[in-house]
Amino acid sequence: MAERTGEIHEELQEVHEKSGKKWIAVYIAVLAVALAITNMGASNAMKDMLTNNIYASNYWAFFQAKTIRQTTLRVAADDLSVFASAFPNMPEAAKKQLDDQARRYRDTAARYESDPKEGDGRKELMAKAQAFEKDREIASRKDPYFDFAEALIQIAIVLASVSLIAGSRLLLVVSISMALAGAFLSFNGFTLLVHVSFLEH
């Protein structure tokens, strides 16, 4: 009877161990999914950072080009006005032609300052560049959260795998702790709900 009770106890323990190993295997699979999602978030943050940086640089270059053209037109208009003033006896038709040309230059320079219709005045270009810079900064803030989350989840997977082989509960507890920290950082990478100062530059 005692022998039979011992056998039943061993069988129950074996079933319990197999069940525990199944749950650890499921846990590892869940971690793999979390790692894939985190990896996707990291990849998107990096792409957003690079894309927004390119667009911001392009709009600032366009802004600088407009500034140079605007300055050139203003100088040309001033030169025409000075030239007209230097020759007061010039024919009225010539003087009117110079004044008209100077006015056209100034009108074009004013349009270069702000052109809501075309959306490519200096004012509009600055607003677009600053908007892309803001998006770039947001992506830059997200990236470190994903990096640390990936590292923590990868370590959690390794520890869970080792705990499965070695049967160590301590390693499993450490793995779960790291997985939770990684999941939090990954979630925060997507949402930026919490500011973690040492992760954000």
Protein backbone atom coordinates (compact mmCIF):
# COMPACT_ATOMS: atom_id res chain seq x y z
CA MET A 1 0.00 0.00 0.00
CA ALA A 2 2.81 2.40 0.93
CA GLU A 3 4.61 1.43 -2.27
CA ARG A 4 1.51 2.22 -4.34
CA THR A 5 1.07 5.57 -2.58
CA GLY A 6 4.69 6.43 -3.41
CA GLU A 7 4.12 5.57 -7.08
CA ILE A 8 1.00 7.76 -7.22
CA HIS A 9 2.93 10.59 -5.59
CA GLU A 10 5.72 10.28 -8.18
CA GLU A 11 3.20 10.21 -11.04
CA LEU A 12 1.46 13.31 -9.71
CA GLN A 13 4.79 15.09 -9.33
CA GLU A 14 5.73 14.17 -12.92
CA VAL A 15 2.38 15.48 -14.22
CA HIS A 16 2.88 18.67 -12.19
CA GLU A 17 6.39 19.15 -13.62
CA LYS A 18 5.17 18.57 -17.19
CA SER A 19 2.33 21.04 -16.64
CA GLY A 20 4.78 23.61 -15.23
CA LYS A 21 7.05 23.15 -18.23
CA LYS A 22 4.12 23.68 -20.58
CA TRP A 23 3.28 26.98 -18.90
CA ILE A 24 6.89 28.11 -19.12
CA ALA A 25 6.89 27.21 -22.81
CA VAL A 26 3.72 29.27 -23.30
CA TYR A 27 5.32 32.11 -21.32
CA ILE A 28 8.38 32.01 -23.60
CA ALA A 29 6.10 32.11 -26.66
CA VAL A 30 4.33 35.18 -25.23
CA LEU A 31 7.71 36.82 -24.66
CA ALA A 32 8.67 36.10 -28.27
CA VAL A 33 5.50 37.88 -29.46
CA ALA A 34 6.23 40.82 -27.14
CA LEU A 35 9.77 40.97 -28.51
CA ALA A 36 8.47 41.03 -32.10
CA ILE A 37 6.07 43.89 -31.29
CA THR A 38 8.83 45.81 -29.50
CA ASN A 39 11.17 45.25 -32.42
CA MET A 40 8.52 46.64 -34.78
CA GLY A 41 8.09 49.71 -32.56
CA ALA A 42 11.86 50.28 -32.49
CA SER A 43 12.09 49.95 -36.26
CA ASN A 44 9.20 52.39 -36.79
CA ALA A 45 10.67 54.91 -34.33
CA MET A 46 14.01 54.81 -36.14
CA LYS A 47 12.35 55.20 -39.56
CA ASP A 48 10.21 58.09 -38.28
CA MET A 49 13.27 59.77 -36.82
CA LEU A 50 15.23 59.53 -40.08
CA THR A 51 12.29 60.45 -42.33
CA ASN A 52 11.30 63.49 -40.27
CA ASN A 53 14.93 64.61 -40.08
CA ILE A 54 15.19 64.47 -43.89
CA TYR A 55 11.97 66.44 -44.37
CA ALA A 56 12.98 69.04 -41.76
CA SER A 57 16.38 69.48 -43.45
CA ASN A 58 14.73 69.84 -46.86
CA TYR A 59 12.31 72.50 -45.65
CA TRP A 60 15.08 74.42 -43.87
CA ALA A 61 17.17 74.31 -47.07
CA PHE A 62 14.16 75.64 -49.01
CA PHE A 63 13.72 78.31 -46.31
CA GLN A 64 17.36 79.39 -46.71
CA ALA A 65 17.03 79.51 -50.50
CA LYS A 66 13.93 81.71 -50.18
CA THR A 67 15.79 83.99 -47.75
CA ILE A 68 18.66 84.42 -50.20
CA ARG A 69 16.29 85.14 -53.11
CA GLN A 70 14.26 87.54 -50.96
CA THR A 71 17.40 89.44 -49.91
CA THR A 72 18.60 89.60 -53.53
CA LEU A 73 15.25 91.03 -54.68
CA ARG A 74 15.20 93.64 -51.90
CA VAL A 75 18.74 94.74 -52.74
CA ALA A 76 17.84 94.93 -56.44
CA ALA A 77 14.73 97.02 -55.65
CA ASP A 78 16.79 99.37 -53.46
CA ASP A 79 19.42 99.69 -56.22
CA LEU A 80 16.72 100.66 -58.74
CA SER A 81 15.30 103.25 -56.33
CA VAL A 82 18.76 104.72 -55.71
CA PHE A 83 19.45 104.77 -59.44
CA ALA A 84 16.17 106.59 -60.11
CA SER A 85 16.97 109.14 -57.38
CA ALA A 86 20.48 109.69 -58.74
CA PHE A 87 19.11 110.80 -62.10
CA PRO A 88 16.20 113.15 -61.37
CA ASN A 89 16.21 114.47 -64.93
CA MET A 90 15.58 111.06 -66.52
CA PRO A 91 12.45 110.77 -68.67
CA GLU A 92 9.25 110.02 -66.82
CA ALA A 93 8.68 106.84 -68.84
CA ALA A 94 12.08 105.46 -67.79
CA LYS A 95 11.55 106.54 -64.18
CA LYS A 96 8.12 104.84 -64.14
CA GLN A 97 9.64 101.69 -65.60
CA LEU A 98 12.29 101.61 -62.85
CA ASP A 99 9.68 102.25 -60.13
CA ASP A 100 7.43 99.49 -61.52
CA GLN A 101 10.32 97.03 -61.61
CA ALA A 102 11.34 97.96 -58.04
CA ARG A 103 7.72 97.48 -56.89
CA ARG A 104 7.55 94.05 -58.58
CA TYR A 105 10.76 93.04 -56.82
CA ARG A 106 9.37 94.17 -53.46
CA ASP A 107 6.04 92.41 -54.08
CA THR A 108 7.87 89.19 -54.92
CA ALA A 109 10.06 89.58 -51.82
CA ALA A 110 6.91 90.06 -49.71
CA ARG A 111 5.40 86.91 -51.27
CA TYR A 112 8.57 85.03 -50.40
CA GLU A 113 8.02 86.06 -46.77
CA SER A 114 4.51 84.56 -46.62
CA ASP A 115 2.48 82.84 -49.32
CA PRO A 116 -0.50 81.01 -47.75
CA LYS A 117 -1.93 80.15 -51.17
CA GLU A 118 1.13 78.21 -52.39
CA GLY A 119 2.31 77.34 -48.89
CA ASP A 120 5.95 77.97 -49.75
CA GLY A 121 6.68 81.34 -48.17
CA ARG A 122 9.40 81.60 -45.50
CA LYS A 123 6.75 81.68 -42.78
CA GLU A 124 5.04 78.51 -44.07
CA LEU A 125 8.33 76.71 -44.71
CA MET A 126 9.51 77.46 -41.17
CA ALA A 127 6.25 76.09 -39.72
CA LYS A 128 6.58 72.88 -41.78
CA ALA A 129 10.24 72.41 -40.82
CA GLN A 130 9.46 72.94 -37.14
CA ALA A 131 6.56 70.44 -37.32
CA PHE A 132 8.86 67.78 -38.77
CA GLU A 133 11.48 68.60 -36.12
CA LYS A 134 8.85 68.09 -33.43
CA ASP A 135 7.89 64.69 -34.90
CA ARG A 136 11.58 63.79 -35.09
CA GLU A 137 12.05 64.64 -31.42
CA ILE A 138 9.06 62.47 -30.45
CA ALA A 139 10.51 59.53 -32.40
CA SER A 140 13.90 60.20 -30.81
CA ARG A 141 12.30 60.04 -27.33
CA LYS A 142 10.61 56.71 -28.14
CA ASP A 143 13.70 54.91 -29.46
CA PRO A 144 15.59 54.34 -26.14
CA TYR A 145 12.49 52.80 -24.52
CA PHE A 146 12.28 50.21 -27.28
CA ASP A 147 16.04 49.52 -27.11
CA PHE A 148 15.98 48.79 -23.38
CA ALA A 149 12.71 46.86 -23.69
CA GLU A 150 14.22 44.60 -26.37
CA ALA A 151 17.25 43.88 -24.19
CA LEU A 152 15.15 43.09 -21.11
CA ILE A 153 12.73 40.82 -23.00
CA GLN A 154 15.59 38.96 -24.70
CA ILE A 155 17.26 38.37 -21.32
CA ALA A 156 13.89 37.25 -19.90
CA ILE A 157 13.57 34.68 -22.70
CA VAL A 158 17.06 33.32 -22.02
CA LEU A 159 16.44 33.08 -18.26
CA ALA A 160 13.08 31.39 -18.82
CA SER A 161 14.72 28.86 -21.14
CA VAL A 162 17.45 28.13 -18.60
CA SER A 163 14.88 27.81 -15.80
CA LEU A 164 12.99 25.30 -17.95
CA ILE A 165 16.11 23.15 -18.32
CA ALA A 166 17.50 23.62 -14.81
CA GLY A 167 14.13 23.66 -13.04
CA SER A 168 15.10 26.84 -11.19
CA ARG A 169 12.19 28.89 -9.82
CA LEU A 170 14.51 31.77 -8.92
CA LEU A 171 15.55 32.19 -12.56
CA LEU A 172 11.89 32.11 -13.59
CA VAL A 173 11.02 34.82 -11.06
CA VAL A 174 13.91 37.00 -12.32
CA SER A 175 12.78 36.34 -15.90
CA ILE A 176 9.22 37.43 -15.12
CA SER A 177 10.49 40.57 -13.39
CA MET A 178 12.60 41.50 -16.40
CA ALA A 179 9.75 40.68 -18.78
CA LEU A 180 7.39 42.98 -16.87
CA ALA A 181 9.96 45.80 -16.92
CA GLY A 182 10.51 45.22 -20.64
CA ALA A 183 6.77 45.19 -21.36
CA PHE A 184 6.36 48.46 -19.45
CA LEU A 185 9.18 50.13 -21.40
CA SER A 186 7.80 48.81 -24.69
CA PHE A 187 4.32 50.15 -23.88
CA ASN A 188 5.84 53.47 -22.86
CA GLY A 189 7.75 53.55 -26.15
CA PHE A 190 4.46 53.51 -28.01
CA THR A 191 2.63 55.95 -25.73
CA LEU A 192 5.26 58.07 -23.89
CA LEU A 193 2.90 58.16 -20.90
CA VAL A 194 5.72 58.20 -18.35
CA HIS A 195 8.88 60.29 -18.55
CA VAL A 196 11.93 58.24 -17.53
CA SER A 197 14.68 60.84 -17.36
CA PHE A 198 17.73 58.58 -17.76
CA LEU A 199 16.30 57.11 -20.98
CA GLU A 200 15.42 60.41 -22.63
CA HIS A 201 18.16 62.71 -23.82
